[in-house]
Protein backbone atom coordinates (compact mmCIF):
# COMPACT_ATOMS: atom_id res chain seq x y z
CA UNK A 1 151.40 100.95 103.54
CA UNK A 2 154.98 101.82 104.32
CA UNK A 3 155.38 103.27 101.01
CA UNK A 4 152.39 105.49 101.82
CA UNK A 5 153.63 106.70 105.13
CA UNK A 6 157.17 107.28 103.40
CA UNK A 7 155.68 109.61 100.83
CA UNK A 8 153.53 111.26 103.46
CA UNK A 9 156.66 112.10 105.60
CA UNK A 10 158.51 113.45 102.62
CA UNK A 11 155.85 115.91 101.27
CA UNK A 12 156.32 118.55 104.08
CA UNK A 13 159.96 118.41 103.45
CA UNK A 14 159.72 118.76 99.55
CA UNK A 15 157.23 121.90 99.95
CA UNK A 16 159.80 123.34 102.35
CA UNK A 17 162.72 122.68 100.00
CA UNK A 18 160.83 124.48 96.96
CA UNK A 19 160.02 127.44 99.44
CA UNK A 20 163.79 127.95 100.10
CA UNK A 21 164.64 127.75 96.33
CA UNK A 22 162.40 130.57 95.66
CA UNK A 23 164.38 134.03 95.32
CA UNK A 24 163.29 136.31 98.15
CA UNK A 25 163.22 139.96 96.87
CA UNK A 26 160.78 142.50 97.38
CA UNK A 27 160.36 143.68 94.00
CA UNK A 28 156.91 143.85 92.18
CA UNK A 29 158.24 141.13 89.62
CA UNK A 30 158.32 138.08 92.47
CA UNK A 31 156.89 134.84 91.37
CA UNK A 32 153.11 134.78 92.32
CA UNK A 33 151.81 131.65 94.25
CA UNK A 34 148.68 130.60 92.17
CA UNK A 35 147.95 127.50 93.90
CA UNK A 36 146.05 125.03 91.93
CA UNK A 37 146.89 127.47 88.83
CA UNK A 38 150.57 127.18 89.15
CA UNK A 39 151.08 124.42 86.59
CA UNK A 40 148.87 125.43 83.89
CA UNK A 41 149.83 129.16 84.24
CA UNK A 42 153.43 128.20 83.45
CA UNK A 43 152.17 126.07 80.24
CA UNK A 44 154.10 127.37 77.27
CA UNK A 45 155.73 130.42 78.82
CA UNK A 46 154.91 133.72 77.18
CA UNK A 47 153.35 132.07 74.01
CA UNK A 48 150.58 131.18 76.03
CA UNK A 49 149.40 134.59 77.11
CA UNK A 50 145.80 133.94 75.51
CA UNK A 51 145.41 130.86 77.95
CA UNK A 52 146.22 133.07 80.82
CA UNK A 53 143.78 135.57 79.79
CA UNK A 54 140.94 132.87 79.42
CA UNK A 55 141.95 131.67 82.82
CA UNK A 56 141.57 135.15 84.53
CA UNK A 57 138.20 135.68 82.83
CA UNK A 58 137.04 132.31 83.86
CA UNK A 59 137.97 133.23 87.49
CA UNK A 60 136.39 136.56 87.31
CA UNK A 61 133.14 134.89 85.93
CA UNK A 62 133.20 132.29 88.75
CA UNK A 63 133.56 135.04 91.48
CA UNK A 64 130.82 137.16 89.77
CA UNK A 65 128.52 134.35 89.55
CA UNK A 66 128.31 134.02 93.15
CA UNK A 67 128.37 137.71 94.04
CA UNK A 68 125.57 138.30 91.44
CA UNK A 69 123.56 135.49 92.76
CA UNK A 70 123.72 136.39 96.29
CA UNK A 71 123.42 140.38 96.05
CA UNK A 72 121.28 140.70 92.97
CA UNK A 73 119.61 137.36 92.26
CA UNK A 74 120.95 137.48 88.58
CA UNK A 75 123.08 135.45 86.34
CA UNK A 76 126.13 136.68 84.48
CA UNK A 77 124.20 137.03 81.31
CA UNK A 78 121.37 138.80 82.87
CA UNK A 79 123.77 141.24 84.59
CA UNK A 80 125.58 141.81 80.99
CA UNK A 81 121.93 142.92 79.84
CA UNK A 82 121.39 145.17 82.79
CA UNK A 83 124.66 146.82 82.88
CA UNK A 84 124.58 147.73 79.12
CA UNK A 85 121.31 148.95 79.33
CA UNK A 86 122.09 150.96 82.37
CA UNK A 87 124.81 152.65 80.18
CA UNK A 88 123.19 152.85 76.88
CA UNK A 89 119.68 153.72 78.13
CA UNK A 90 118.22 151.25 75.41
CA UNK A 91 119.71 148.64 72.82
CA UNK A 92 118.67 145.85 70.63
CA UNK A 93 119.62 142.08 71.11
CA UNK A 94 122.08 142.30 68.45
CA UNK A 95 123.74 145.43 69.55
CA UNK A 96 124.06 144.39 73.00
CA UNK A 97 125.36 140.92 72.04
CA UNK A 98 127.95 142.49 69.58
CA UNK A 99 129.35 144.73 72.25
CA UNK A 100 129.69 141.93 74.95
CA UNK A 101 130.92 139.36 72.24
CA UNK A 102 128.44 136.99 73.23
CA UNK A 103 125.73 134.76 71.29
CA UNK A 104 122.56 136.82 70.44
CA UNK A 105 120.58 134.00 71.74
CA UNK A 106 122.06 134.39 75.13
CA UNK A 107 121.19 137.93 75.23
CA UNK A 108 117.77 137.31 74.01
CA UNK A 109 116.96 134.58 76.77
CA UNK A 110 118.12 137.07 79.13
CA UNK A 111 116.40 139.87 77.90
CA UNK A 112 113.14 137.84 77.98
CA UNK A 113 113.83 136.62 81.47
CA UNK A 114 114.45 140.18 82.76
CA UNK A 115 111.44 141.38 80.91
CA UNK A 116 109.25 138.75 82.76
CA UNK A 117 111.02 139.99 86.07
CA UNK A 118 110.00 143.31 85.43
CA UNK A 119 113.53 144.84 85.23
CA UNK A 120 113.38 145.29 81.36
CA UNK A 121 111.02 146.70 79.09
CA UNK A 122 110.52 145.61 75.47
CA UNK A 123 109.44 148.24 72.76
CA UNK A 124 108.81 147.58 69.07
CA UNK A 125 111.39 149.08 66.83
CA UNK A 126 109.62 151.09 64.11
CA UNK A 127 112.71 150.94 61.71
CA UNK A 128 113.02 147.04 62.05
CA UNK A 129 110.27 145.17 63.52
CA UNK A 130 112.56 142.11 63.96
CA UNK A 131 114.72 144.00 66.26
CA UNK A 132 112.91 145.38 69.61
CA UNK A 133 114.63 147.72 71.71
CA UNK A 134 115.02 146.97 75.25
CA UNK A 135 115.45 149.57 78.30
CA UNK A 136 115.41 149.19 82.18
CA UNK A 137 112.54 149.79 83.85
CA UNK A 138 112.53 151.95 87.22
CA UNK A 139 112.80 148.51 89.06
CA UNK A 140 115.66 147.49 86.69
CA UNK A 141 117.61 150.90 87.25
CA UNK A 142 116.95 150.47 91.14
CA UNK A 143 118.54 146.79 90.69
CA UNK A 144 121.29 147.93 88.84
CA UNK A 145 121.94 150.69 91.39
CA UNK A 146 121.65 148.35 94.16
CA UNK A 147 124.48 146.12 92.73
CA UNK A 148 126.94 148.55 90.89
CA UNK A 149 128.70 149.51 94.23
CA UNK A 150 129.61 145.71 94.67
CA UNK A 151 130.78 145.51 91.09
CA UNK A 152 132.88 148.88 91.70
CA UNK A 153 134.51 147.13 95.04
CA UNK A 154 135.26 143.97 93.10
CA UNK A 155 137.21 145.80 90.38
CA UNK A 156 138.94 148.05 92.70
CA UNK A 157 140.01 145.10 94.79
CA UNK A 158 141.16 143.15 91.79
CA UNK A 159 143.84 146.01 90.81
CA UNK A 160 144.54 147.18 94.28
CA UNK A 161 147.87 145.39 94.24
CA UNK A 162 148.80 146.60 90.64
CA UNK A 163 150.69 149.78 90.28
CA UNK A 164 149.56 152.64 88.05
CA UNK A 165 152.31 152.01 85.37
CA UNK A 166 151.57 148.31 85.45
CA UNK A 167 147.73 149.20 85.23
CA UNK A 168 148.39 151.60 82.28
CA UNK A 169 150.56 148.95 80.39
CA UNK A 170 147.78 146.23 81.14
CA UNK A 171 145.09 148.53 79.61
CA UNK A 172 147.10 149.22 76.61
CA UNK A 173 148.09 145.80 76.15
CA UNK A 174 144.72 144.29 76.35
CA UNK A 175 143.50 146.95 73.97
CA UNK A 176 146.06 146.07 71.44
CA UNK A 177 145.13 142.29 71.76
CA UNK A 178 141.49 143.03 71.40
CA UNK A 179 142.09 145.23 68.32
CA UNK A 180 144.15 142.42 66.88
CA UNK A 181 141.53 139.85 67.63
CA UNK A 182 138.87 142.07 66.21
CA UNK A 183 141.03 142.62 63.10
CA UNK A 184 141.32 138.63 62.70
CA UNK A 185 137.72 138.33 62.88
CA UNK A 186 137.10 140.81 60.18
CA UNK A 187 135.46 143.59 62.67
CA UNK A 188 135.99 147.05 61.42
CA UNK A 189 138.66 148.45 63.37
CA UNK A 190 141.91 150.42 62.73
CA UNK A 191 144.91 148.01 61.89
CA UNK A 192 147.15 147.56 64.73
CA UNK A 193 150.60 149.26 64.12
CA UNK A 194 153.27 146.87 63.64
């Protein structure tokens, strides 16, 4: 019992000491406190950038899952289908899965659910009967239009504290990483410049 009380009394002092050791400057390169992610974020240094990308993607998914459930009554896979069809106007399961880098079965299930809800229409493809074409119904378009402002606000919030030069560098860096991954996966893309 005395050891527990002793540890509890030291905890605030340790936190305060850590805070004092952190350099205080106003540059944009300050260490950022990530709370529960601090330890895993620092794993492996620069060599673990892919882990950081996965963590950020998971955080986006967690936030989007709640936002979609509350504002659109959609799952993330269903939103991917709705958003792609809003931009493409029509698409097959294979095309949408390829563009979203997800399993075709996930897209197929989502498209079927959306069709049952009246948000997506399925049409036979005369060129390939095994690959039907999907498009948004007028109700699906209205659903997309209703949720899209929330998506736009969310994406603007994510980058609101990131300067224009950093955004440009991030866009370029992410595109180069995606290009390299596509190359490693044997997808037809231009080779990354070395």
